[in-house]
C-alpha atoms as a PDB file:
ATOM      1  CA  UNK A   1      -4.938 -15.443 -16.404  1.00  0.00           C
ATOM      2  CA  UNK A   2      -7.042 -13.120 -18.258  1.00  0.00           C
ATOM      3  CA  UNK A   3     -11.010 -13.125 -17.903  1.00  0.00           C
ATOM      4  CA  UNK A   4     -11.449 -13.449 -21.575  1.00  0.00           C
ATOM      5  CA  UNK A   5      -8.875 -16.209 -22.174  1.00  0.00           C
ATOM      6  CA  UNK A   6     -10.691 -19.483 -23.041  1.00  0.00           C
ATOM      7  CA  UNK A   7      -8.960 -22.464 -21.260  1.00  0.00           C
ATOM      8  CA  UNK A   8      -9.569 -26.204 -20.792  1.00  0.00           C
ATOM      9  CA  UNK A   9      -7.852 -28.203 -18.060  1.00  0.00           C
ATOM     10  CA  UNK A  10      -9.212 -32.051 -18.322  1.00  0.00           C
ATOM     11  CA  UNK A  11      -7.957 -35.235 -16.972  1.00  0.00           C
ATOM     12  CA  UNK A  12      -9.030 -38.851 -17.617  1.00  0.00           C
ATOM     13  CA  UNK A  13      -8.784 -41.049 -14.449  1.00  0.00           C
ATOM     14  CA  UNK A  14      -6.977 -44.184 -15.203  1.00  0.00           C
ATOM     15  CA  UNK A  15      -7.220 -46.662 -12.255  1.00  0.00           C
ATOM     16  CA  UNK A  16      -3.948 -48.260 -10.883  1.00  0.00           C
ATOM     17  CA  UNK A  17      -5.824 -51.446 -10.232  1.00  0.00           C
ATOM     18  CA  UNK A  18      -7.112 -52.955 -13.478  1.00  0.00           C
ATOM     19  CA  UNK A  19     -10.601 -54.408 -13.897  1.00  0.00           C
ATOM     20  CA  UNK A  20     -11.969 -52.429 -10.884  1.00  0.00           C
ATOM     21  CA  UNK A  21     -15.679 -52.788 -10.597  1.00  0.00           C
ATOM     22  CA  UNK A  22     -16.855 -50.094  -8.337  1.00  0.00           C
ATOM     23  CA  UNK A  23     -20.858 -49.058  -8.147  1.00  0.00           C
ATOM     24  CA  UNK A  24     -19.501 -45.373  -8.747  1.00  0.00           C
ATOM     25  CA  UNK A  25     -16.136 -44.228 -10.537  1.00  0.00           C
ATOM     26  CA  UNK A  26     -15.147 -40.907 -12.008  1.00  0.00           C
ATOM     27  CA  UNK A  27     -13.951 -41.236 -15.673  1.00  0.00           C
ATOM     28  CA  UNK A  28     -13.039 -38.110 -16.539  1.00  0.00           C
ATOM     29  CA  UNK A  29     -13.309 -34.362 -15.248  1.00  0.00           C
ATOM     30  CA  UNK A  30     -11.970 -30.903 -15.595  1.00  0.00           C
ATOM     31  CA  UNK A  31     -12.209 -27.099 -15.278  1.00  0.00           C
ATOM     32  CA  UNK A  32     -12.820 -25.045 -18.616  1.00  0.00           C
ATOM     33  CA  UNK A  33     -13.678 -21.649 -19.779  1.00  0.00           C
ATOM     34  CA  UNK A  34     -15.112 -21.167 -23.346  1.00  0.00           C
ATOM     35  CA  UNK A  35     -16.356 -18.560 -25.607  1.00  0.00           C
ATOM     36  CA  UNK A  36     -16.537 -20.735 -28.504  1.00  0.00           C
ATOM     37  CA  UNK A  37     -19.970 -20.823 -30.104  1.00  0.00           C
ATOM     38  CA  UNK A  38     -19.070 -24.527 -31.454  1.00  0.00           C
ATOM     39  CA  UNK A  39     -19.092 -25.693 -28.037  1.00  0.00           C
ATOM     40  CA  UNK A  40     -21.721 -28.422 -28.146  1.00  0.00           C
ATOM     41  CA  UNK A  41     -22.165 -31.907 -26.933  1.00  0.00           C
ATOM     42  CA  UNK A  42     -25.193 -34.360 -27.689  1.00  0.00           C
ATOM     43  CA  UNK A  43     -26.017 -37.267 -25.589  1.00  0.00           C
ATOM     44  CA  UNK A  44     -26.911 -39.045 -28.073  1.00  0.00           C
ATOM     45  CA  UNK A  45     -23.370 -39.246 -29.769  1.00  0.00           C
ATOM     46  CA  UNK A  46     -21.502 -40.051 -26.819  1.00  0.00           C
ATOM     47  CA  UNK A  47     -21.797 -43.686 -27.272  1.00  0.00           C
ATOM     48  CA  UNK A  48     -23.918 -46.452 -25.614  1.00  0.00           C
ATOM     49  CA  UNK A  49     -21.826 -46.868 -22.410  1.00  0.00           C
ATOM     50  CA  UNK A  50     -24.014 -45.908 -19.300  1.00  0.00           C
ATOM     51  CA  UNK A  51     -22.554 -42.575 -17.737  1.00  0.00           C
ATOM     52  CA  UNK A  52     -23.759 -39.847 -15.518  1.00  0.00           C
ATOM     53  CA  UNK A  53     -22.656 -36.207 -16.384  1.00  0.00           C
ATOM     54  CA  UNK A  54     -22.240 -33.196 -13.882  1.00  0.00           C
ATOM     55  CA  UNK A  55     -21.304 -29.802 -14.962  1.00  0.00           C
ATOM     56  CA  UNK A  56     -21.298 -26.730 -12.467  1.00  0.00           C
ATOM     57  CA  UNK A  57     -21.361 -23.479 -13.835  1.00  0.00           C
ATOM     58  CA  UNK A  58     -18.821 -21.035 -12.073  1.00  0.00           C
ATOM     59  CA  UNK A  59     -19.315 -18.137 -14.023  1.00  0.00           C
ATOM     60  CA  UNK A  60     -21.469 -17.128 -17.334  1.00  0.00           C
ATOM     61  CA  UNK A  61     -24.239 -19.060 -18.212  1.00  0.00           C
ATOM     62  CA  UNK A  62     -24.703 -22.367 -20.379  1.00  0.00           C
ATOM     63  CA  UNK A  63     -27.718 -23.745 -22.149  1.00  0.00           C
ATOM     64  CA  UNK A  64     -29.415 -27.335 -21.905  1.00  0.00           C
ATOM     65  CA  UNK A  65     -32.129 -28.597 -24.350  1.00  0.00           C
ATOM     66  CA  UNK A  66     -33.812 -31.658 -22.638  1.00  0.00           C
ATOM     67  CA  UNK A  67     -37.325 -32.483 -23.681  1.00  0.00           C
ATOM     68  CA  UNK A  68     -37.803 -29.974 -26.348  1.00  0.00           C
ATOM     69  CA  UNK A  69     -36.832 -27.242 -23.874  1.00  0.00           C
ATOM     70  CA  UNK A  70     -34.179 -24.955 -23.543  1.00  0.00           C
ATOM     71  CA  UNK A  71     -32.975 -24.573 -19.784  1.00  0.00           C
ATOM     72  CA  UNK A  72     -30.449 -21.970 -18.816  1.00  0.00           C
ATOM     73  CA  UNK A  73     -27.657 -23.231 -16.429  1.00  0.00           C
ATOM     74  CA  UNK A  74     -26.660 -20.184 -14.492  1.00  0.00           C
ATOM     75  CA  UNK A  75     -23.917 -19.185 -12.178  1.00  0.00           C
ATOM     76  CA  UNK A  76     -24.445 -21.438  -8.967  1.00  0.00           C
ATOM     77  CA  UNK A  77     -26.476 -24.165 -10.801  1.00  0.00           C
ATOM     78  CA  UNK A  78     -25.299 -27.454 -11.993  1.00  0.00           C
ATOM     79  CA  UNK A  79     -26.940 -30.087 -14.493  1.00  0.00           C
ATOM     80  CA  UNK A  80     -27.128 -33.680 -13.919  1.00  0.00           C
ATOM     81  CA  UNK A  81     -27.712 -35.952 -17.078  1.00  0.00           C
ATOM     82  CA  UNK A  82     -27.498 -39.558 -18.246  1.00  0.00           C
ATOM     83  CA  UNK A  83     -25.899 -41.053 -21.419  1.00  0.00           C
ATOM     84  CA  UNK A  84     -27.059 -42.440 -23.711  1.00  0.00           C
ATOM     85  CA  UNK A  85     -30.152 -39.674 -23.710  1.00  0.00           C
ATOM     86  CA  UNK A  86     -31.447 -37.119 -25.972  1.00  0.00           C
ATOM     87  CA  UNK A  87     -30.100 -33.836 -24.597  1.00  0.00           C
ATOM     88  CA  UNK A  88     -27.883 -31.210 -25.797  1.00  0.00           C
ATOM     89  CA  UNK A  89     -25.875 -28.606 -23.944  1.00  0.00           C
ATOM     90  CA  UNK A  90     -23.985 -25.862 -25.418  1.00  0.00           C
ATOM     91  CA  UNK A  91     -22.817 -22.094 -25.231  1.00  0.00           C
ATOM     92  CA  UNK A  92     -25.829 -19.708 -25.860  1.00  0.00           C
ATOM     93  CA  UNK A  93     -25.171 -16.376 -27.848  1.00  0.00           C
ATOM     94  CA  UNK A  94     -26.132 -13.992 -25.012  1.00  0.00           C
ATOM     95  CA  UNK A  95     -23.910 -14.709 -22.066  1.00  0.00           C
ATOM     96  CA  UNK A  96     -20.780 -14.863 -24.541  1.00  0.00           C
ATOM     97  CA  UNK A  97     -18.984 -17.221 -21.897  1.00  0.00           C
ATOM     98  CA  UNK A  98     -19.228 -20.170 -19.773  1.00  0.00           C
ATOM     99  CA  UNK A  99     -16.820 -21.394 -16.793  1.00  0.00           C
ATOM    100  CA  UNK A 100     -17.673 -24.486 -15.546  1.00  0.00           C
ATOM    101  CA  UNK A 101     -16.494 -27.640 -13.447  1.00  0.00           C
ATOM    102  CA  UNK A 102     -17.445 -31.234 -14.974  1.00  0.00           C
ATOM    103  CA  UNK A 103     -17.396 -34.887 -14.193  1.00  0.00           C
ATOM    104  CA  UNK A 104     -18.280 -37.801 -15.880  1.00  0.00           C
ATOM    105  CA  UNK A 105     -19.139 -41.061 -13.628  1.00  0.00           C
ATOM    106  CA  UNK A 106     -19.623 -44.865 -14.665  1.00  0.00           C
ATOM    107  CA  UNK A 107     -21.306 -47.474 -12.385  1.00  0.00           C
ATOM    108  CA  UNK A 108     -25.034 -48.479 -11.666  1.00  0.00           C
ATOM    109  CA  UNK A 109     -25.076 -46.522  -8.346  1.00  0.00           C
ATOM    110  CA  UNK A 110     -24.000 -43.422 -10.106  1.00  0.00           C
ATOM    111  CA  UNK A 111     -26.961 -44.082 -12.541  1.00  0.00           C
ATOM    112  CA  UNK A 112     -29.435 -44.979  -9.720  1.00  0.00           C
ATOM    113  CA  UNK A 113     -28.722 -41.837  -7.647  1.00  0.00           C
ATOM    114  CA  UNK A 114     -28.847 -39.723 -10.812  1.00  0.00           C
ATOM    115  CA  UNK A 115     -32.349 -40.994 -11.309  1.00  0.00           C
ATOM    116  CA  UNK A 116     -33.462 -40.299  -8.099  1.00  0.00           C
ATOM    117  CA  UNK A 117     -32.076 -36.792  -7.880  1.00  0.00           C
ATOM    118  CA  UNK A 118     -33.206 -35.876 -11.199  1.00  0.00           C
ATOM    119  CA  UNK A 119     -36.845 -37.178 -10.211  1.00  0.00           C
ATOM    120  CA  UNK A 120     -36.538 -34.759  -7.311  1.00  0.00           C
ATOM    121  CA  UNK A 121     -35.130 -31.968  -9.116  1.00  0.00           C
ATOM    122  CA  UNK A 122     -35.180 -31.587 -12.708  1.00  0.00           C
ATOM    123  CA  UNK A 123     -31.990 -31.844 -14.858  1.00  0.00           C
ATOM    124  CA  UNK A 124     -30.732 -28.577 -13.530  1.00  0.00           C
ATOM    125  CA  UNK A 125     -30.579 -27.399 -10.142  1.00  0.00           C
ATOM    126  CA  UNK A 126     -28.740 -25.137  -7.289  1.00  0.00           C
ATOM    127  CA  UNK A 127     -29.328 -28.475  -5.300  1.00  0.00           C
ATOM    128  CA  UNK A 128     -26.714 -30.366  -7.411  1.00  0.00           C
ATOM    129  CA  UNK A 129     -24.177 -27.476  -6.544  1.00  0.00           C
ATOM    130  CA  UNK A 130     -23.958 -27.042  -2.563  1.00  0.00           C
ATOM    131  CA  UNK A 131     -21.171 -25.652  -1.216  1.00  0.00           C
ATOM    132  CA  UNK A 132     -19.983 -28.690   0.265  1.00  0.00           C
ATOM    133  CA  UNK A 133     -20.434 -30.580  -3.075  1.00  0.00           C
ATOM    134  CA  UNK A 134     -18.148 -28.216  -4.980  1.00  0.00           C
ATOM    135  CA  UNK A 135     -15.394 -28.294  -2.408  1.00  0.00           C
ATOM    136  CA  UNK A 136     -15.716 -32.221  -2.782  1.00  0.00           C
ATOM    137  CA  UNK A 137     -15.463 -31.621  -6.622  1.00  0.00           C
ATOM    138  CA  UNK A 138     -12.365 -29.794  -6.426  1.00  0.00           C
ATOM    139  CA  UNK A 139     -10.849 -32.335  -4.341  1.00  0.00           C
ATOM    140  CA  UNK A 140     -11.774 -34.777  -6.447  1.00  0.00           C
ATOM    141  CA  UNK A 141     -10.276 -33.343  -9.645  1.00  0.00           C
ATOM    142  CA  UNK A 142      -6.939 -33.160  -7.580  1.00  0.00           C
ATOM    143  CA  UNK A 143      -7.238 -36.677  -6.710  1.00  0.00           C
ATOM    144  CA  UNK A 144      -7.945 -37.700 -10.210  1.00  0.00           C
ATOM    145  CA  UNK A 145      -4.612 -35.708 -11.575  1.00  0.00           C
ATOM    146  CA  UNK A 146      -2.589 -37.912  -9.424  1.00  0.00           C
ATOM    147  CA  UNK A 147      -2.073 -41.455 -11.097  1.00  0.00           C
ATOM    148  CA  UNK A 148      -1.326 -43.111  -7.874  1.00  0.00           C
ATOM    149  CA  UNK A 149      -4.671 -42.262  -6.558  1.00  0.00           C
ATOM    150  CA  UNK A 150      -6.174 -45.733  -5.488  1.00  0.00           C
ATOM    151  CA  UNK A 151      -9.826 -46.175  -7.089  1.00  0.00           C
ATOM    152  CA  UNK A 152     -11.424 -46.617  -3.808  1.00  0.00           C
ATOM    153  CA  UNK A 153     -10.545 -42.978  -2.575  1.00  0.00           C
ATOM    154  CA  UNK A 154     -11.872 -41.722  -6.329  1.00  0.00           C
ATOM    155  CA  UNK A 155     -14.941 -43.638  -5.921  1.00  0.00           C
ATOM    156  CA  UNK A 156     -15.790 -42.247  -2.274  1.00  0.00           C
ATOM    157  CA  UNK A 157     -15.349 -38.908  -3.473  1.00  0.00           C
ATOM    158  CA  UNK A 158     -17.568 -39.241  -6.322  1.00  0.00           C
ATOM    159  CA  UNK A 159     -20.255 -40.978  -4.066  1.00  0.00           C
ATOM    160  CA  UNK A 160     -19.993 -38.160  -1.337  1.00  0.00           C
ATOM    161  CA  UNK A 161     -20.404 -35.583  -4.224  1.00  0.00           C
ATOM    162  CA  UNK A 162     -23.601 -37.244  -5.367  1.00  0.00           C
ATOM    163  CA  UNK A 163     -24.712 -37.424  -1.921  1.00  0.00           C
ATOM    164  CA  UNK A 164     -24.300 -33.724  -1.032  1.00  0.00           C
ATOM    165  CA  UNK A 165     -27.019 -33.261  -3.611  1.00  0.00           C
ATOM    166  CA  UNK A 166     -29.630 -35.082  -1.341  1.00  0.00           C
ATOM    167  CA  UNK A 167     -30.967 -32.277   0.509  1.00  0.00           C
ATOM    168  CA  UNK A 168     -34.038 -30.338   1.276  1.00  0.00           C
ATOM    169  CA  UNK A 169     -33.156 -27.608  -1.082  1.00  0.00           C
ATOM    170  CA  UNK A 170     -35.874 -26.235  -3.212  1.00  0.00           C
ATOM    171  CA  UNK A 171     -35.694 -27.224  -6.928  1.00  0.00           C
ATOM    172  CA  UNK A 172     -34.493 -24.328  -9.335  1.00  0.00           C
ATOM    173  CA  UNK A 173     -36.342 -26.049 -12.120  1.00  0.00           C
ATOM    174  CA  UNK A 174     -39.588 -24.433 -13.327  1.00  0.00           C
ATOM    175  CA  UNK A 175     -42.741 -26.313 -12.291  1.00  0.00           C
ATOM    176  CA  UNK A 176     -43.700 -26.897 -16.042  1.00  0.00           C
ATOM    177  CA  UNK A 177     -40.160 -28.678 -16.679  1.00  0.00           C
ATOM    178  CA  UNK A 178     -40.484 -30.748 -13.296  1.00  0.00           C
ATOM    179  CA  UNK A 179     -43.806 -32.145 -14.608  1.00  0.00           C
ATOM    180  CA  UNK A 180     -42.126 -33.335 -18.111  1.00  0.00           C
ATOM    181  CA  UNK A 181     -39.132 -34.611 -16.052  1.00  0.00           C
ATOM    182  CA  UNK A 182     -41.448 -36.724 -13.687  1.00  0.00           C
ATOM    183  CA  UNK A 183     -43.637 -38.077 -16.724  1.00  0.00           C
ATOM    184  CA  UNK A 184     -40.774 -38.858 -18.879  1.00  0.00           C
ATOM    185  CA  UNK A 185     -38.889 -40.897 -15.536  1.00  0.00           C
ATOM    186  CA  UNK A 186     -42.279 -42.684 -15.335  1.00  0.00           C
ATOM    187  CA  UNK A 187     -42.445 -43.729 -18.741  1.00  0.00           C
ATOM    188  CA  UNK A 188     -38.854 -44.902 -19.370  1.00  0.00           C
ATOM    189  CA  UNK A 189     -39.256 -46.907 -15.979  1.00  0.00           C
ATOM    190  CA  UNK A 190     -42.608 -48.790 -17.176  1.00  0.00           C
ATOM    191  CA  UNK A 191     -42.209 -48.632 -20.975  1.00  0.00           C
ATOM    192  CA  UNK A 192     -42.058 -52.495 -21.400  1.00  0.00           C
ATOM    193  CA  UNK A 193     -45.551 -52.707 -19.667  1.00  0.00           C
ATOM    194  CA  UNK A 194     -47.276 -50.665 -22.283  1.00  0.00           C
ATOM    195  CA  UNK A 195     -47.586 -47.456 -20.092  1.00  0.00           C
ATOM    196  CA  UNK A 196     -50.842 -45.706 -21.028  1.00  0.00           C
ATOM    197  CA  UNK A 197     -52.499 -42.515 -20.270  1.00  0.00           C
ATOM    198  CA  UNK A 198     -54.395 -43.706 -17.544  1.00  0.00           C
ATOM    199  CA  UNK A 199     -51.337 -45.001 -15.893  1.00  0.00           C
ATOM    200  CA  UNK A 200     -49.772 -41.428 -16.124  1.00  0.00           C
ATOM    201  CA  UNK A 201     -53.004 -39.847 -14.739  1.00  0.00           C
ATOM    202  CA  UNK A 202     -52.778 -42.276 -12.085  1.00  0.00           C
ATOM    203  CA  UNK A 203     -49.167 -41.582 -11.087  1.00  0.00           C
ATOM    204  CA  UNK A 204     -49.966 -37.851 -11.393  1.00  0.00           C
ATOM    205  CA  UNK A 205     -53.060 -38.046  -9.174  1.00  0.00           C
ATOM    206  CA  UNK A 206     -55.565 -37.040 -11.516  1.00  0.00           C
ATOM    207  CA  UNK A 207     -58.381 -38.540 -13.712  1.00  0.00           C
ATOM    208  CA  UNK A 208     -57.375 -39.138 -17.366  1.00  0.00           C
ATOM    209  CA  UNK A 209     -59.371 -36.137 -18.668  1.00  0.00           C
ATOM    210  CA  UNK A 210     -58.109 -33.649 -15.996  1.00  0.00           C
ATOM    211  CA  UNK A 211     -54.616 -34.706 -16.526  1.00  0.00           C
ATOM    212  CA  UNK A 212     -54.780 -34.593 -20.118  1.00  0.00           C
ATOM    213  CA  UNK A 213     -56.337 -30.852 -19.583  1.00  0.00           C
ATOM    214  CA  UNK A 214     -53.588 -29.736 -17.251  1.00  0.00           C
ATOM    215  CA  UNK A 215     -50.562 -31.395 -19.107  1.00  0.00           C
ATOM    216  CA  UNK A 216     -51.756 -29.233 -22.076  1.00  0.00           C
ATOM    217  CA  UNK A 217     -51.971 -26.393 -20.284  1.00  0.00           C
ATOM    218  CA  UNK A 218     -48.820 -26.479 -18.669  1.00  0.00           C
ATOM    219  CA  UNK A 219     -46.466 -28.157 -21.241  1.00  0.00           C
ATOM    220  CA  UNK A 220     -48.113 -26.730 -24.601  1.00  0.00           C
ATOM    221  CA  UNK A 221     -48.743 -30.368 -26.153  1.00  0.00           C
ATOM    222  CA  UNK A 222     -50.904 -33.015 -25.726  1.00  0.00           C
ATOM    223  CA  UNK A 223     -49.937 -36.156 -22.991  1.00  0.00           C
ATOM    224  CA  UNK A 224     -50.904 -38.651 -26.136  1.00  0.00           C
ATOM    225  CA  UNK A 225     -48.314 -37.139 -28.472  1.00  0.00           C
ATOM    226  CA  UNK A 226     -45.655 -36.906 -25.846  1.00  0.00           C
ATOM    227  CA  UNK A 227     -45.915 -40.272 -24.532  1.00  0.00           C
ATOM    228  CA  UNK A 228     -45.481 -41.632 -28.315  1.00  0.00           C
ATOM    229  CA  UNK A 229     -42.543 -39.136 -28.539  1.00  0.00           C
ATOM    230  CA  UNK A 230     -40.585 -40.759 -25.468  1.00  0.00           C
ATOM    231  CA  UNK A 231     -41.508 -44.191 -26.619  1.00  0.00           C
ATOM    232  CA  UNK A 232     -40.082 -43.457 -30.188  1.00  0.00           C
ATOM    233  CA  UNK A 233     -37.103 -41.802 -28.755  1.00  0.00           C
ATOM    234  CA  UNK A 234     -36.245 -45.046 -26.856  1.00  0.00           C
ATOM    235  CA  UNK A 235     -37.115 -47.377 -29.917  1.00  0.00           C
ATOM    236  CA  UNK A 236     -34.600 -45.264 -31.976  1.00  0.00           C
ATOM    237  CA  UNK A 237     -31.996 -45.582 -29.076  1.00  0.00           C
ATOM    238  CA  UNK A 238     -32.653 -49.328 -28.891  1.00  0.00           C
ATOM    239  CA  UNK A 239     -32.267 -50.019 -32.576  1.00  0.00           C
ATOM    240  CA  UNK A 240     -29.118 -47.786 -32.416  1.00  0.00           C
ATOM    241  CA  UNK A 241     -27.279 -49.404 -29.490  1.00  0.00           C
ATOM    242  CA  UNK A 242     -28.905 -52.921 -29.265  1.00  0.00           C
ATOM    243  CA  UNK A 243     -28.785 -56.099 -31.620  1.00  0.00           C
ATOM    244  CA  UNK A 244     -32.430 -56.155 -31.456  1.00  0.00           C
ATOM    245  CA  UNK A 245     -35.254 -56.952 -34.150  1.00  0.00           C
ATOM    246  CA  UNK A 246     -38.301 -54.930 -35.005  1.00  0.00           C
ATOM    247  CA  UNK A 247     -40.613 -57.105 -33.166  1.00  0.00           C
ATOM    248  CA  UNK A 248     -38.510 -57.203 -30.053  1.00  0.00           C
ATOM    249  CA  UNK A 249     -38.146 -53.210 -30.205  1.00  0.00           C
ATOM    250  CA  UNK A 250     -41.834 -53.110 -30.461  1.00  0.00           C
ATOM    251  CA  UNK A 251     -42.287 -55.103 -27.355  1.00  0.00           C
ATOM    252  CA  UNK A 252     -39.971 -53.485 -25.358  1.00  0.00           C
ATOM    253  CA  UNK A 253     -41.617 -50.285 -26.025  1.00  0.00           C
ATOM    254  CA  UNK A 254     -44.842 -51.508 -25.017  1.00  0.00           C
ATOM    255  CA  UNK A 255     -46.323 -52.112 -28.506  1.00  0.00           C
ATOM    256  CA  UNK A 256     -48.579 -55.566 -28.816  1.00  0.00           C
ATOM    257  CA  UNK A 257     -49.023 -54.425 -32.394  1.00  0.00           C
ATOM    258  CA  UNK A 258     -46.240 -54.499 -34.241  1.00  0.00           C
ATOM    259  CA  UNK A 259     -47.844 -52.910 -37.428  1.00  0.00           C
ATOM    260  CA  UNK A 260     -48.745 -49.843 -35.399  1.00  0.00           C
ATOM    261  CA  UNK A 261     -45.404 -49.538 -34.046  1.00  0.00           C
ATOM    262  CA  UNK A 262     -43.814 -49.312 -37.684  1.00  0.00           C
ATOM    263  CA  UNK A 263     -46.271 -46.627 -38.507  1.00  0.00           C
ATOM    264  CA  UNK A 264     -45.768 -44.319 -35.514  1.00  0.00           C
ATOM    265  CA  UNK A 265     -41.885 -44.993 -35.730  1.00  0.00           C
ATOM    266  CA  UNK A 266     -42.188 -43.713 -39.424  1.00  0.00           C
ATOM    267  CA  UNK A 267     -44.427 -40.693 -38.213  1.00  0.00           C
ATOM    268  CA  UNK A 268     -41.595 -39.757 -36.007  1.00  0.00           C
ATOM    269  CA  UNK A 269     -38.459 -40.604 -37.603  1.00  0.00           C
ATOM    270  CA  UNK A 270     -39.297 -40.377 -41.552  1.00  0.00           C
ATOM    271  CA  UNK A 271     -38.694 -44.208 -42.031  1.00  0.00           C
ATOM    272  CA  UNK A 272     -39.705 -47.588 -40.956  1.00  0.00           C
ATOM    273  CA  UNK A 273     -37.766 -49.392 -38.296  1.00  0.00           C
ATOM    274  CA  UNK A 274     -36.738 -52.090 -41.008  1.00  0.00           C
ATOM    275  CA  UNK A 275     -35.444 -49.691 -43.251  1.00  0.00           C
ATOM    276  CA  UNK A 276     -33.766 -47.886 -40.605  1.00  0.00           C
ATOM    277  CA  UNK A 277     -31.855 -51.137 -39.543  1.00  0.00           C
ATOM    278  CA  UNK A 278     -31.080 -51.841 -43.051  1.00  0.00           C
ATOM    279  CA  UNK A 279     -29.330 -48.312 -43.475  1.00  0.00           C
ATOM    280  CA  UNK A 280     -27.326 -48.935 -40.570  1.00  0.00           C
ATOM    281  CA  UNK A 281     -25.740 -52.266 -41.912  1.00  0.00           C
ATOM    282  CA  UNK A 282     -24.678 -50.442 -45.053  1.00  0.00           C
END
């Protein structure tokens, strides 16, 4: 095959055993090379089903946008993402091509392991692409191509792939990105309790004033604005994917004052939550 030729080899895994309820199960996977500038996947437009995405760069370079930052996914690196989630990955202009191996996993254990891995390494890391892991990934893809592969075998290989990522390898993510990733994970985990700047500062090991200072210096934005931004992203996701009222959404995002929640929501999304729900039902 010519080096400049695009190709797509994808496979959906259809378990030969119906109603399989495994903690990790590969749903789809494949090997692809693209030069198309229209290649773009949005994590908020892939449905509400909880999924984990892994994509390893064989050659070229892709780009991941997450937490308002563009992170290159270079050869020898992989990203680990969750769906639904506000992210987007695409082919940037400069490299011209991106060749990669990819999988989508379902299951609570896949989600749990991904939470731990991303807290440790960020979203993009060479730790997600250990040689043993890549070898396992190719084996998993071959198994998925066989319609008679038992779900237990496919699940075991998917689990093995994720477990190869738990190594002492240094993170490939930038320190600023790691700070954002860790703070983001903390907010998501504690949002219903009304996480505050004091909570974030204690989590990071600083006084509130010092935390706010280093956060702005490192990330170029205020910690308060970032906290509200994450809360509003989660609020929007809940309104999009759950049968939930405005008051319930406010409480789930840690707001005791529903009117203040509506005010902040309108600032970030351009309309009130009630108006958003009304438009969605049309």
